[in-house]
Amino acid sequence: MPQKKNPDPMELVRGKSARVVGDLVSLLVLCKGLPHAYNRDLQEDKEPVFDSVKAIVGMLEVSAEFAQNVSFNREKIQKALPAGHLDATKLADYLVKKGIPS
Protein backbone atom coordinates (compact mmCIF):
# COMPACT_ATOMS: atom_id res chain seq x y z
CA MET A 1 0.00 0.00 0.00
CA PRO A 2 1.41 3.37 -0.95
CA GLN A 3 0.96 5.02 2.45
CA LYS A 4 3.10 2.49 4.34
CA LYS A 5 6.49 3.62 5.52
CA ASN A 6 7.87 0.36 6.91
CA PRO A 7 7.31 -3.29 5.99
CA ASP A 8 4.88 -5.13 8.18
CA PRO A 9 6.54 -8.11 9.96
CA MET A 10 3.47 -10.27 9.51
CA GLU A 11 3.51 -9.67 5.75
CA LEU A 12 7.09 -10.94 5.72
CA VAL A 13 6.03 -14.03 7.67
CA ARG A 14 3.23 -14.67 5.19
CA GLY A 15 5.64 -14.33 2.30
CA LYS A 16 8.14 -16.69 3.94
CA SER A 17 5.42 -19.32 4.33
CA ALA A 18 5.49 -19.82 0.54
CA ARG A 19 9.00 -21.20 0.89
CA VAL A 20 7.82 -23.73 3.47
CA VAL A 21 4.96 -24.81 1.20
CA GLY A 22 7.46 -25.22 -1.64
CA ASP A 23 9.64 -27.43 0.57
CA LEU A 24 6.58 -29.53 1.43
CA VAL A 25 5.79 -30.01 -2.25
CA SER A 26 9.38 -31.08 -2.86
CA LEU A 27 9.11 -33.71 -0.11
CA LEU A 28 5.76 -34.97 -1.35
CA VAL A 29 7.01 -35.37 -4.90
CA LEU A 30 10.13 -37.12 -3.62
CA CYS A 31 8.10 -39.60 -1.56
CA LYS A 32 5.56 -40.17 -4.33
CA GLY A 33 8.05 -41.91 -6.57
CA LEU A 34 9.81 -44.02 -3.94
CA PRO A 35 10.21 -47.69 -4.79
CA HIS A 36 9.47 -50.25 -2.09
CA ALA A 37 12.98 -51.56 -1.57
CA TYR A 38 15.49 -48.96 -2.75
CA ASN A 39 15.27 -45.68 -0.80
CA ARG A 40 18.46 -43.91 -1.83
CA ASP A 41 16.22 -41.13 -3.17
CA LEU A 42 15.67 -40.04 0.43
CA GLN A 43 19.12 -38.48 0.53
CA GLU A 44 17.39 -35.50 -1.11
CA ASP A 45 14.93 -34.98 1.75
CA LYS A 46 17.37 -33.28 4.17
CA GLU A 47 17.69 -29.94 2.42
CA PRO A 48 13.95 -29.07 2.31
CA VAL A 49 13.45 -30.31 5.88
CA PHE A 50 16.29 -28.23 7.32
CA ASP A 51 15.30 -25.23 5.19
CA SER A 52 11.72 -25.44 6.46
CA VAL A 53 12.79 -25.76 10.09
CA LYS A 54 15.06 -22.73 9.75
CA ALA A 55 12.31 -20.69 8.08
CA ILE A 56 9.64 -21.70 10.61
CA VAL A 57 11.85 -20.92 13.61
CA GLY A 58 12.54 -17.49 12.15
CA MET A 59 8.86 -16.92 11.46
CA LEU A 60 7.97 -17.88 15.04
CA GLU A 61 10.60 -15.50 16.43
CA VAL A 62 9.28 -12.61 14.33
CA SER A 63 5.66 -13.46 15.21
CA ALA A 64 6.43 -13.65 18.94
CA GLU A 65 8.28 -10.33 18.88
CA PHE A 66 5.43 -8.73 16.95
CA ALA A 67 2.78 -10.12 19.32
CA GLN A 68 4.65 -8.83 22.37
CA ASN A 69 5.09 -5.32 20.97
CA VAL A 70 1.95 -4.64 18.97
CA SER A 71 -0.28 -1.92 20.36
CA PHE A 72 -3.64 -0.55 19.30
CA ASN A 73 -5.14 2.89 19.72
CA ARG A 74 -8.47 1.66 21.05
CA GLU A 75 -10.00 5.12 21.22
CA LYS A 76 -9.21 5.79 17.57
CA ILE A 77 -10.54 2.36 16.58
CA GLN A 78 -13.81 2.92 18.46
CA LYS A 79 -14.29 6.30 16.77
CA ALA A 80 -13.63 4.79 13.31
CA LEU A 81 -16.03 1.84 13.68
CA PRO A 82 -19.26 3.74 12.96
CA ALA A 83 -17.83 4.95 9.62
CA GLY A 84 -18.54 1.50 8.20
CA HIS A 85 -15.16 0.62 6.69
CA LEU A 86 -15.45 -3.08 6.01
CA ASP A 87 -11.84 -3.92 5.22
CA ALA A 88 -8.34 -2.61 5.72
CA THR A 89 -7.81 -1.70 2.07
CA LYS A 90 -10.86 0.57 1.97
CA LEU A 91 -9.76 2.19 5.22
CA ALA A 92 -6.22 2.67 3.88
CA ASP A 93 -7.53 4.19 0.65
CA TYR A 94 -9.71 6.54 2.68
CA LEU A 95 -6.75 7.64 4.83
CA VAL A 96 -4.53 8.17 1.79
CA LYS A 97 -7.18 10.37 0.15
CA LYS A 98 -7.27 12.45 3.33
CA GLY A 99 -3.46 12.72 3.25
CA ILE A 100 -2.93 10.73 6.47
CA PRO A 101 0.02 8.31 6.29
CA SER A 102 -0.12 5.22 8.46
PDB file of N, CA and C in Angstrom:
ATOM      1  N   MET A   1       0.843  -1.181   0.000  1.00  0.00           N
ATOM      2  CA  MET A   1       0.000   0.000   0.000  1.00  0.00           C
ATOM      3  C   MET A   1       0.886   1.240   0.000  1.00  0.00           C
ATOM      4  N   PRO A   2       0.526   2.225  -0.752  1.00  0.00           N
ATOM      5  CA  PRO A   2       1.410   3.375  -0.952  1.00  0.00           C
ATOM      6  C   PRO A   2       1.662   4.210   0.304  1.00  0.00           C
ATOM      7  N   GLN A   3       0.798   4.178   1.275  1.00  0.00           N
ATOM      8  CA  GLN A   3       0.961   5.019   2.451  1.00  0.00           C
ATOM      9  C   GLN A   3       1.873   4.408   3.508  1.00  0.00           C
ATOM     10  N   LYS A   4       2.287   3.156   3.333  1.00  0.00           N
ATOM     11  CA  LYS A   4       3.097   2.486   4.344  1.00  0.00           C
ATOM     12  C   LYS A   4       4.539   2.972   4.280  1.00  0.00           C
ATOM     13  N   LYS A   5       5.119   3.163   5.453  1.00  0.00           N
ATOM     14  CA  LYS A   5       6.495   3.619   5.522  1.00  0.00           C
ATOM     15  C   LYS A   5       7.454   2.475   5.816  1.00  0.00           C
ATOM     16  N   ASN A   6       7.024   1.478   6.546  1.00  0.00           N
ATOM     17  CA  ASN A   6       7.871   0.358   6.914  1.00  0.00           C
ATOM     18  C   ASN A   6       7.171  -0.950   6.586  1.00  0.00           C
ATOM     19  N   PRO A   7       7.944  -2.004   6.260  1.00  0.00           N
ATOM     20  CA  PRO A   7       7.310  -3.293   5.990  1.00  0.00           C
ATOM     21  C   PRO A   7       6.687  -3.871   7.254  1.00  0.00           C
ATOM     22  N   ASP A   8       5.590  -4.513   7.069  1.00  0.00           N
ATOM     23  CA  ASP A   8       4.875  -5.131   8.180  1.00  0.00           C
ATOM     24  C   ASP A   8       5.480  -6.511   8.440  1.00  0.00           C
ATOM     25  N   PRO A   9       5.913  -6.810   9.671  1.00  0.00           N
ATOM     26  CA  PRO A   9       6.537  -8.114   9.957  1.00  0.00           C
ATOM     27  C   PRO A   9       5.635  -9.300   9.607  1.00  0.00           C
ATOM     28  N   MET A  10       4.357  -9.148   9.793  1.00  0.00           N
ATOM     29  CA  MET A  10       3.471 -10.270   9.507  1.00  0.00           C
ATOM     30  C   MET A  10       3.333 -10.512   8.001  1.00  0.00           C
ATOM     31  N   GLU A  11       3.494  -9.480   7.201  1.00  0.00           N
ATOM     32  CA  GLU A  11       3.508  -9.675   5.750  1.00  0.00           C
ATOM     33  C   GLU A  11       4.748 -10.463   5.340  1.00  0.00           C
ATOM     34  N   LEU A  12       5.859 -10.197   6.004  1.00  0.00           N
ATOM     35  CA  LEU A  12       7.087 -10.937   5.724  1.00  0.00           C
ATOM     36  C   LEU A  12       6.945 -12.403   6.116  1.00  0.00           C
ATOM     37  N   VAL A  13       6.277 -12.645   7.233  1.00  0.00           N
ATOM     38  CA  VAL A  13       6.030 -14.029   7.668  1.00  0.00           C
ATOM     39  C   VAL A  13       5.143 -14.741   6.653  1.00  0.00           C
ATOM     40  N   ARG A  14       4.122 -14.066   6.187  1.00  0.00           N
ATOM     41  CA  ARG A  14       3.225 -14.670   5.192  1.00  0.00           C
ATOM     42  C   ARG A  14       3.987 -14.992   3.910  1.00  0.00           C
ATOM     43  N   GLY A  15       4.848 -14.093   3.496  1.00  0.00           N
ATOM     44  CA  GLY A  15       5.643 -14.333   2.298  1.00  0.00           C
ATOM     45  C   GLY A  15       6.608 -15.496   2.480  1.00  0.00           C
ATOM     46  N   LYS A  16       7.193 -15.609   3.659  1.00  0.00           N
ATOM     47  CA  LYS A  16       8.135 -16.693   3.936  1.00  0.00           C
ATOM     48  C   LYS A  16       7.429 -18.045   3.961  1.00  0.00           C
ATOM     49  N   SER A  17       6.149 -18.053   4.271  1.00  0.00           N
ATOM     50  CA  SER A  17       5.417 -19.324   4.328  1.00  0.00           C
ATOM     51  C   SER A  17       5.367 -20.000   2.954  1.00  0.00           C
ATOM     52  N   ALA A  18       5.481 -19.231   1.888  1.00  0.00           N
ATOM     53  CA  ALA A  18       5.486 -19.816   0.540  1.00  0.00           C
ATOM     54  C   ALA A  18       6.697 -20.731   0.360  1.00  0.00           C
ATOM     55  N   ARG A  19       7.798 -20.367   0.962  1.00  0.00           N
ATOM     56  CA  ARG A  19       9.003 -21.205   0.889  1.00  0.00           C
ATOM     57  C   ARG A  19       8.774 -22.544   1.585  1.00  0.00           C
ATOM     58  N   VAL A  20       8.106 -22.495   2.726  1.00  0.00           N
ATOM     59  CA  VAL A  20       7.823 -23.727   3.471  1.00  0.00           C
ATOM     60  C   VAL A  20       6.869 -24.623   2.675  1.00  0.00           C
ATOM     61  N   VAL A  21       5.879 -24.030   2.038  1.00  0.00           N
ATOM     62  CA  VAL A  21       4.961 -24.806   1.202  1.00  0.00           C
ATOM     63  C   VAL A  21       5.716 -25.427   0.028  1.00  0.00           C
ATOM     64  N   GLY A  22       6.643 -24.693  -0.560  1.00  0.00           N
ATOM     65  CA  GLY A  22       7.464 -25.225  -1.638  1.00  0.00           C
ATOM     66  C   GLY A  22       8.306 -26.404  -1.183  1.00  0.00           C
ATOM     67  N   ASP A  23       8.867 -26.307   0.021  1.00  0.00           N
ATOM     68  CA  ASP A  23       9.637 -27.431   0.571  1.00  0.00           C
ATOM     69  C   ASP A  23       8.745 -28.648   0.788  1.00  0.00           C
ATOM     70  N   LEU A  24       7.525 -28.423   1.248  1.00  0.00           N
ATOM     71  CA  LEU A  24       6.582 -29.526   1.432  1.00  0.00           C
ATOM     72  C   LEU A  24       6.285 -30.219   0.104  1.00  0.00           C
ATOM     73  N   VAL A  25       6.057 -29.427  -0.928  1.00  0.00           N
ATOM     74  CA  VAL A  25       5.787 -30.010  -2.248  1.00  0.00           C
ATOM     75  C   VAL A  25       6.984 -30.835  -2.715  1.00  0.00           C
ATOM     76  N   SER A  26       8.180 -30.333  -2.490  1.00  0.00           N
ATOM     77  CA  SER A  26       9.383 -31.084  -2.858  1.00  0.00           C
ATOM     78  C   SER A  26       9.414 -32.440  -2.153  1.00  0.00           C
ATOM     79  N   LEU A  27       9.111 -32.449  -0.870  1.00  0.00           N
ATOM     80  CA  LEU A  27       9.114 -33.709  -0.109  1.00  0.00           C
ATOM     81  C   LEU A  27       8.020 -34.659  -0.590  1.00  0.00           C
ATOM     82  N   LEU A  28       6.851 -34.115  -0.885  1.00  0.00           N
ATOM     83  CA  LEU A  28       5.755 -34.969  -1.347  1.00  0.00           C
ATOM     84  C   LEU A  28       6.063 -35.597  -2.692  1.00  0.00           C
ATOM     85  N   VAL A  29       6.649 -34.824  -3.583  1.00  0.00           N
ATOM     86  CA  VAL A  29       7.014 -35.367  -4.898  1.00  0.00           C
ATOM     87  C   VAL A  29       8.110 -36.415  -4.740  1.00  0.00           C
ATOM     88  N   LEU A  30       9.061 -36.163  -3.863  1.00  0.00           N
ATOM     89  CA  LEU A  30      10.132 -37.120  -3.615  1.00  0.00           C
ATOM     90  C   LEU A  30       9.579 -38.445  -3.092  1.00  0.00           C
ATOM     91  N   CYS A  31       8.660 -38.380  -2.154  1.00  0.00           N
ATOM     92  CA  CYS A  31       8.095 -39.595  -1.561  1.00  0.00           C
ATOM     93  C   CYS A  31       7.139 -40.308  -2.516  1.00  0.00           C
ATOM     94  N   LYS A  32       6.521 -39.577  -3.400  1.00  0.00           N
ATOM     95  CA  LYS A  32       5.557 -40.165  -4.326  1.00  0.00           C
ATOM     96  C   LYS A  32       6.198 -41.227  -5.212  1.00  0.00           C
ATOM     97  N   GLY A  33       7.419 -41.000  -5.635  1.00  0.00           N
ATOM     98  CA  GLY A  33       8.049 -41.914  -6.566  1.00  0.00           C
ATOM     99  C   GLY A  33       8.960 -42.947  -5.926  1.00  0.00           C
ATOM    100  N   LEU A  34       8.908 -43.076  -4.605  1.00  0.00           N
ATOM    101  CA  LEU A  34       9.810 -44.023  -3.943  1.00  0.00           C
ATOM    102  C   LEU A  34       9.461 -45.470  -4.273  1.00  0.00           C
ATOM    103  N   PRO A  35      10.464 -46.250  -4.631  1.00  0.00           N
ATOM    104  CA  PRO A  35      10.213 -47.689  -4.790  1.00  0.00           C
ATOM    105  C   PRO A  35      10.113 -48.346  -3.414  1.00  0.00           C
ATOM    106  N   HIS A  36       9.671 -49.578  -3.373  1.00  0.00           N
ATOM    107  CA  HIS A  36       9.468 -50.254  -2.088  1.00  0.00           C
ATOM    108  C   HIS A  36      10.768 -50.693  -1.423  1.00  0.00           C
ATOM    109  N   ALA A  37      11.795 -50.981  -2.182  1.00  0.00           N
ATOM    110  CA  ALA A  37      12.983 -51.562  -1.571  1.00  0.00           C
ATOM    111  C   ALA A  37      14.214 -50.661  -1.636  1.00  0.00           C
ATOM    112  N   TYR A  38      14.274 -49.742  -2.535  1.00  0.00           N
ATOM    113  CA  TYR A  38      15.486 -48.958  -2.749  1.00  0.00           C
ATOM    114  C   TYR A  38      15.185 -47.504  -2.425  1.00  0.00           C
ATOM    115  N   ASN A  39      15.657 -47.009  -1.273  1.00  0.00           N
ATOM    116  CA  ASN A  39      15.271 -45.682  -0.803  1.00  0.00           C
ATOM    117  C   ASN A  39      16.417 -44.680  -0.827  1.00  0.00           C
ATOM    118  N   ARG A  40      17.340 -44.850  -1.744  1.00  0.00           N
ATOM    119  CA  ARG A  40      18.456 -43.908  -1.833  1.00  0.00           C
ATOM    120  C   ARG A  40      17.962 -42.507  -2.214  1.00  0.00           C
ATOM    121  N   ASP A  41      16.797 -42.427  -2.812  1.00  0.00           N
ATOM    122  CA  ASP A  41      16.215 -41.125  -3.166  1.00  0.00           C
ATOM    123  C   ASP A  41      16.053 -40.228  -1.940  1.00  0.00           C
ATOM    124  N   LEU A  42      15.918 -40.824  -0.778  1.00  0.00           N
ATOM    125  CA  LEU A  42      15.668 -40.039   0.431  1.00  0.00           C
ATOM    126  C   LEU A  42      16.877 -39.218   0.869  1.00  0.00           C
ATOM    127  N   GLN A  43      18.002 -39.348   0.189  1.00  0.00           N
ATOM    128  CA  GLN A  43      19.124 -38.480   0.530  1.00  0.00           C
ATOM    129  C   GLN A  43      18.805 -37.029   0.145  1.00  0.00           C
ATOM    130  N   GLU A  44      17.797 -36.840  -0.690  1.00  0.00           N
ATOM    131  CA  GLU A  44      17.395 -35.496  -1.112  1.00  0.00           C
ATOM    132  C   GLU A  44      16.368 -34.854  -0.184  1.00  0.00           C
ATOM    133  N   ASP A  45      15.971 -35.528   0.878  1.00  0.00           N
ATOM    134  CA  ASP A  45      14.933 -34.976   1.750  1.00  0.00           C
ATOM    135  C   ASP A  45      15.490 -34.037   2.816  1.00  0.00           C
ATOM    136  N   LYS A  46      16.790 -34.072   3.063  1.00  0.00           N
ATOM    137  CA  LYS A  46      17.367 -33.284   4.168  1.00  0.00           C
ATOM    138  C   LYS A  46      17.287 -31.785   3.910  1.00  0.00           C
ATOM    139  N   GLU A  47      17.640 -31.375   2.713  1.00  0.00           N
ATOM    140  CA  GLU A  47      17.686 -29.941   2.425  1.00  0.00           C
ATOM    141  C   GLU A  47      16.341 -29.244   2.633  1.00  0.00           C
ATOM    142  N   PRO A  48      15.217 -29.768   2.067  1.00  0.00           N
ATOM    143  CA  PRO A  48      13.948 -29.072   2.313  1.00  0.00           C
ATOM    144  C   PRO A  48      13.496 -29.134   3.775  1.00  0.00           C
ATOM    145  N   VAL A  49      13.835 -30.221   4.463  1.00  0.00           N
ATOM    146  CA  VAL A  49      13.448 -30.312   5.882  1.00  0.00           C
ATOM    147  C   VAL A  49      14.191 -29.265   6.700  1.00  0.00           C
ATOM    148  N   PHE A  50      15.503 -29.192   6.543  1.00  0.00           N
ATOM    149  CA  PHE A  50      16.292 -28.228   7.315  1.00  0.00           C
ATOM    150  C   PHE A  50      15.947 -26.796   6.923  1.00  0.00           C
ATOM    151  N   ASP A  51      15.690 -26.560   5.649  1.00  0.00           N
ATOM    152  CA  ASP A  51      15.297 -25.235   5.188  1.00  0.00           C
ATOM    153  C   ASP A  51      13.970 -24.810   5.821  1.00  0.00           C
ATOM    154  N   SER A  52      13.036 -25.744   5.866  1.00  0.00           N
ATOM    155  CA  SER A  52      11.725 -25.443   6.457  1.00  0.00           C
ATOM    156  C   SER A  52      11.835 -25.158   7.944  1.00  0.00           C
ATOM    157  N   VAL A  53      12.621 -25.970   8.644  1.00  0.00           N
ATOM    158  CA  VAL A  53      12.789 -25.761  10.090  1.00  0.00           C
ATOM    159  C   VAL A  53      13.392 -24.386  10.345  1.00  0.00           C
ATOM    160  N   LYS A  54      14.424 -24.039   9.585  1.00  0.00           N
ATOM    161  CA  LYS A  54      15.063 -22.726   9.749  1.00  0.00           C
ATOM    162  C   LYS A  54      14.068 -21.592   9.485  1.00  0.00           C
ATOM    163  N   ALA A  55      13.289 -21.730   8.416  1.00  0.00           N
ATOM    164  CA  ALA A  55      12.310 -20.695   8.077  1.00  0.00           C
ATOM    165  C   ALA A  55      11.222 -20.582   9.143  1.00  0.00           C
ATOM    166  N   ILE A  56      10.726 -21.720   9.622  1.00  0.00           N
ATOM    167  CA  ILE A  56       9.641 -21.702  10.610  1.00  0.00           C
ATOM    168  C   ILE A  56      10.113 -21.123  11.941  1.00  0.00           C
ATOM    169  N   VAL A  57      11.321 -21.488  12.363  1.00  0.00           N
ATOM    170  CA  VAL A  57      11.853 -20.922  13.608  1.00  0.00           C
ATOM    171  C   VAL A  57      11.965 -19.401  13.486  1.00  0.00           C
ATOM    172  N   GLY A  58      12.463 -18.930  12.362  1.00  0.00           N
ATOM    173  CA  GLY A  58      12.542 -17.486  12.150  1.00  0.00           C
ATOM    174  C   GLY A  58      11.182 -16.826  12.137  1.00  0.00           C
ATOM    175  N   MET A  59      10.210 -17.473  11.507  1.00  0.00           N
ATOM    176  CA  MET A  59       8.856 -16.922  11.456  1.00  0.00           C
ATOM    177  C   MET A  59       8.245 -16.863  12.855  1.00  0.00           C
ATOM    178  N   LEU A  60       8.487 -17.876  13.669  1.00  0.00           N
ATOM    179  CA  LEU A  60       7.967 -17.876  15.040  1.00  0.00           C
ATOM    180  C   LEU A  60       8.615 -16.786  15.888  1.00  0.00           C
ATOM    181  N   GLU A  61       9.913 -16.569  15.693  1.00  0.00           N
ATOM    182  CA  GLU A  61      10.597 -15.503  16.430  1.00  0.00           C
ATOM    183  C   GLU A  61      10.026 -14.135  16.075  1.00  0.00           C
ATOM    184  N   VAL A  62       9.839 -13.892  14.778  1.00  0.00           N
ATOM    185  CA  VAL A  62       9.281 -12.611  14.333  1.00  0.00           C
ATOM    186  C   VAL A  62       7.853 -12.442  14.844  1.00  0.00           C
ATOM    187  N   SER A  63       7.053 -13.516  14.764  1.00  0.00           N
ATOM    188  CA  SER A  63       5.662 -13.456  15.211  1.00  0.00           C
ATOM    189  C   SER A  63       5.565 -13.203  16.712  1.00  0.00           C
ATOM    190  N   ALA A  64       6.440 -13.856  17.484  1.00  0.00           N
ATOM    191  CA  ALA A  64       6.428 -13.650  18.938  1.00  0.00           C
ATOM    192  C   ALA A  64       6.819 -12.225  19.291  1.00  0.00           C
ATOM    193  N   GLU A  65       7.841 -11.715  18.645  1.00  0.00           N
ATOM    194  CA  GLU A  65       8.275 -10.333  18.884  1.00  0.00           C
ATOM    195  C   GLU A  65       7.159  -9.349  18.519  1.00  0.00           C
ATOM    196  N   PHE A  66       6.527  -9.595  17.377  1.00  0.00           N
ATOM    197  CA  PHE A  66       5.427  -8.734  16.948  1.00  0.00           C
ATOM    198  C   PHE A  66       4.286  -8.772  17.964  1.00  0.00           C
ATOM    199  N   ALA A  67       3.899  -9.978  18.391  1.00  0.00           N
ATOM    200  CA  ALA A  67       2.776 -10.121  19.320  1.00  0.00           C
ATOM    201  C   ALA A  67       3.059  -9.448  20.659  1.00  0.00           C
ATOM    202  N   GLN A  68       4.308  -9.454  21.093  1.00  0.00           N
ATOM    203  CA  GLN A  68       4.652  -8.829  22.373  1.00  0.00           C
ATOM    204  C   GLN A  68       4.684  -7.311  22.289  1.00  0.00           C
ATOM    205  N   ASN A  69       4.901  -6.776  21.093  1.00  0.00           N
ATOM    206  CA  ASN A  69       5.093  -5.325  20.966  1.00  0.00           C
ATOM    207  C   ASN A  69       3.989  -4.590  20.233  1.00  0.00           C
ATOM    208  N   VAL A  70       3.016  -5.307  19.705  1.00  0.00           N
ATOM    209  CA  VAL A  70       1.947  -4.637  18.974  1.00  0.00           C
ATOM    210  C   VAL A  70       1.068  -3.860  19.965  1.00  0.00           C
ATOM    211  N   SER A  71       0.629  -2.703  19.525  1.00  0.00           N
ATOM    212  CA  SER A  71      -0.280  -1.919  20.357  1.00  0.00           C
ATOM    213  C   SER A  71      -1.365  -1.327  19.451  1.00  0.00           C
ATOM    214  N   PHE A  72      -2.500  -1.083  20.039  1.00  0.00           N
ATOM    215  CA  PHE A  72      -3.635  -0.554  19.297  1.00  0.00           C
ATOM    216  C   PHE A  72      -4.142   0.699  19.983  1.00  0.00           C
ATOM    217  N   ASN A  73      -4.529   1.679  19.193  1.00  0.00           N
ATOM    218  CA  ASN A  73      -5.145   2.890  19.722  1.00  0.00           C
ATOM    219  C   ASN A  73      -6.646   2.625  19.783  1.00  0.00           C
ATOM    220  N   ARG A  74      -7.078   2.092  20.907  1.00  0.00           N
ATOM    221  CA  ARG A  74      -8.475   1.660  21.055  1.00  0.00           C
ATOM    222  C   ARG A  74      -9.467   2.812  20.874  1.00  0.00           C
ATOM    223  N   GLU A  75      -9.097   3.969  21.353  1.00  0.00           N
ATOM    224  CA  GLU A  75      -9.998   5.117  21.222  1.00  0.00           C
ATOM    225  C   GLU A  75     -10.210   5.464  19.745  1.00  0.00           C
ATOM    226  N   LYS A  76      -9.128   5.472  18.995  1.00  0.00           N
ATOM    227  CA  LYS A  76      -9.212   5.785  17.566  1.00  0.00           C
ATOM    228  C   LYS A  76     -10.005   4.708  16.823  1.00  0.00           C
ATOM    229  N   ILE A  77      -9.806   3.457  17.207  1.00  0.00           N
ATOM    230  CA  ILE A  77     -10.543   2.357  16.580  1.00  0.00           C
ATOM    231  C   ILE A  77     -12.036   2.490  16.859  1.00  0.00           C
ATOM    232  N   GLN A  78     -12.388   2.777  18.098  1.00  0.00           N
ATOM    233  CA  GLN A  78     -13.808   2.922  18.461  1.00  0.00           C
ATOM    234  C   GLN A  78     -14.463   4.065  17.695  1.00  0.00           C
ATOM    235  N   LYS A  79     -13.738   5.162  17.512  1.00  0.00           N
ATOM    236  CA  LYS A  79     -14.286   6.303  16.766  1.00  0.00           C
ATOM    237  C   LYS A  79     -14.472   5.970  15.290  1.00  0.00           C
ATOM    238  N   ALA A  80     -13.585   5.115  14.736  1.00  0.00           N
ATOM    239  CA  ALA A  80     -13.633   4.790  13.310  1.00  0.00           C
ATOM    240  C   ALA A  80     -14.683   3.732  12.985  1.00  0.00           C
ATOM    241  N   LEU A  81     -15.097   2.933  13.948  1.00  0.00           N
ATOM    242  CA  LEU A  81     -16.033   1.843  13.684  1.00  0.00           C
ATOM    243  C   LEU A  81     -17.360   2.295  13.072  1.00  0.00           C
ATOM    244  N   PRO A  82     -17.975   3.347  13.558  1.00  0.00           N
ATOM    245  CA  PRO A  82     -19.256   3.742  12.962  1.00  0.00           C
ATOM    246  C   PRO A  82     -19.168   4.195  11.504  1.00  0.00           C
ATOM    247  N   ALA A  83     -17.971   4.494  11.004  1.00  0.00           N
ATOM    248  CA  ALA A  83     -17.825   4.953   9.621  1.00  0.00           C
ATOM    249  C   ALA A  83     -18.152   3.847   8.624  1.00  0.00           C
ATOM    250  N   GLY A  84     -18.124   2.596   9.053  1.00  0.00           N
ATOM    251  CA  GLY A  84     -18.538   1.503   8.197  1.00  0.00           C
ATOM    252  C   GLY A  84     -17.482   0.981   7.244  1.00  0.00           C
ATOM    253  N   HIS A  85     -16.221   1.176   7.533  1.00  0.00           N
ATOM    254  CA  HIS A  85     -15.158   0.624   6.692  1.00  0.00           C
ATOM    255  C   HIS A  85     -15.105  -0.879   6.922  1.00  0.00           C
ATOM    256  N   LEU A  86     -15.339  -1.645   5.849  1.00  0.00           N
ATOM    257  CA  LEU A  86     -15.446  -3.084   6.006  1.00  0.00           C
ATOM    258  C   LEU A  86     -14.117  -3.814   5.917  1.00  0.00           C
ATOM    259  N   ASP A  87     -13.131  -3.225   5.299  1.00  0.00           N
ATOM    260  CA  ASP A  87     -11.843  -3.916   5.222  1.00  0.00           C
ATOM    261  C   ASP A  87     -10.692  -2.927   5.285  1.00  0.00           C
ATOM    262  N   ALA A  88      -9.521  -3.450   5.522  1.00  0.00           N
ATOM    263  CA  ALA A  88      -8.344  -2.609   5.718  1.00  0.00           C
ATOM    264  C   ALA A  88      -7.980  -1.816   4.465  1.00  0.00           C
ATOM    265  N   THR A  89      -8.178  -2.395   3.301  1.00  0.00           N
ATOM    266  CA  THR A  89      -7.814  -1.698   2.073  1.00  0.00           C
ATOM    267  C   THR A  89      -8.681  -0.460   1.866  1.00  0.00           C
ATOM    268  N   LYS A  90      -9.983  -0.596   2.105  1.00  0.00           N
ATOM    269  CA  LYS A  90     -10.862   0.573   1.967  1.00  0.00           C
ATOM    270  C   LYS A  90     -10.475   1.652   2.974  1.00  0.00           C
ATOM    271  N   LEU A  91     -10.161   1.226   4.196  1.00  0.00           N
ATOM    272  CA  LEU A  91      -9.759   2.190   5.216  1.00  0.00           C
ATOM    273  C   LEU A  91      -8.450   2.864   4.813  1.00  0.00           C
ATOM    274  N   ALA A  92      -7.494   2.099   4.300  1.00  0.00           N
ATOM    275  CA  ALA A  92      -6.218   2.666   3.878  1.00  0.00           C
ATOM    276  C   ALA A  92      -6.412   3.652   2.725  1.00  0.00           C
ATOM    277  N   ASP A  93      -7.243   3.286   1.768  1.00  0.00           N
ATOM    278  CA  ASP A  93      -7.527   4.193   0.651  1.00  0.00           C
ATOM    279  C   ASP A  93      -8.150   5.492   1.155  1.00  0.00           C
ATOM    280  N   TYR A  94      -9.057   5.369   2.099  1.00  0.00           N
ATOM    281  CA  TYR A  94      -9.708   6.541   2.684  1.00  0.00           C
ATOM    282  C   TYR A  94      -8.675   7.453   3.342  1.00  0.00           C
ATOM    283  N   LEU A  95      -7.765   6.843   4.129  1.00  0.00           N
ATOM    284  CA  LEU A  95      -6.749   7.640   4.826  1.00  0.00           C
ATOM    285  C   LEU A  95      -5.788   8.298   3.843  1.00  0.00           C
ATOM    286  N   VAL A  96      -5.420   7.606   2.791  1.00  0.00           N
ATOM    287  CA  VAL A  96      -4.529   8.167   1.786  1.00  0.00           C
ATOM    288  C   VAL A  96      -5.180   9.376   1.109  1.00  0.00           C
ATOM    289  N   LYS A  97      -6.464   9.241   0.776  1.00  0.00           N
ATOM    290  CA  LYS A  97      -7.182  10.366   0.151  1.00  0.00           C
ATOM    291  C   LYS A  97      -7.228  11.590   1.056  1.00  0.00           C
ATOM    292  N   LYS A  98      -7.262  11.335   2.385  1.00  0.00           N
ATOM    293  CA  LYS A  98      -7.271  12.447   3.334  1.00  0.00           C
ATOM    294  C   LYS A  98      -5.859  12.968   3.605  1.00  0.00           C
ATOM    295  N   GLY A  99      -4.843  12.274   3.059  1.00  0.00           N
ATOM    296  CA  GLY A  99      -3.462  12.717   3.254  1.00  0.00           C
ATOM    297  C   GLY A  99      -2.866  12.275   4.580  1.00  0.00           C
ATOM    298  N   ILE A 100      -3.429  11.232   5.186  1.00  0.00           N
ATOM    299  CA  ILE A 100      -2.932  10.735   6.469  1.00  0.00           C
ATOM    300  C   ILE A 100      -2.108   9.480   6.239  1.00  0.00           C
ATOM    301  N   PRO A 101      -0.778   9.536   6.437  1.00  0.00           N
ATOM    302  CA  PRO A 101       0.022   8.309   6.287  1.00  0.00           C
ATOM    303  C   PRO A 101      -0.171   7.418   7.510  1.00  0.00           C
ATOM    304  N   SER A 102      -0.010   6.107   7.307  1.00  0.00           N
ATOM    305  CA  SER A 102      -0.125   5.218   8.457  1.00  0.00           C
ATOM    306  C   SER A 102       1.184   4.513   8.717  1.00  0.00           C
TER     307      SER A 102
END
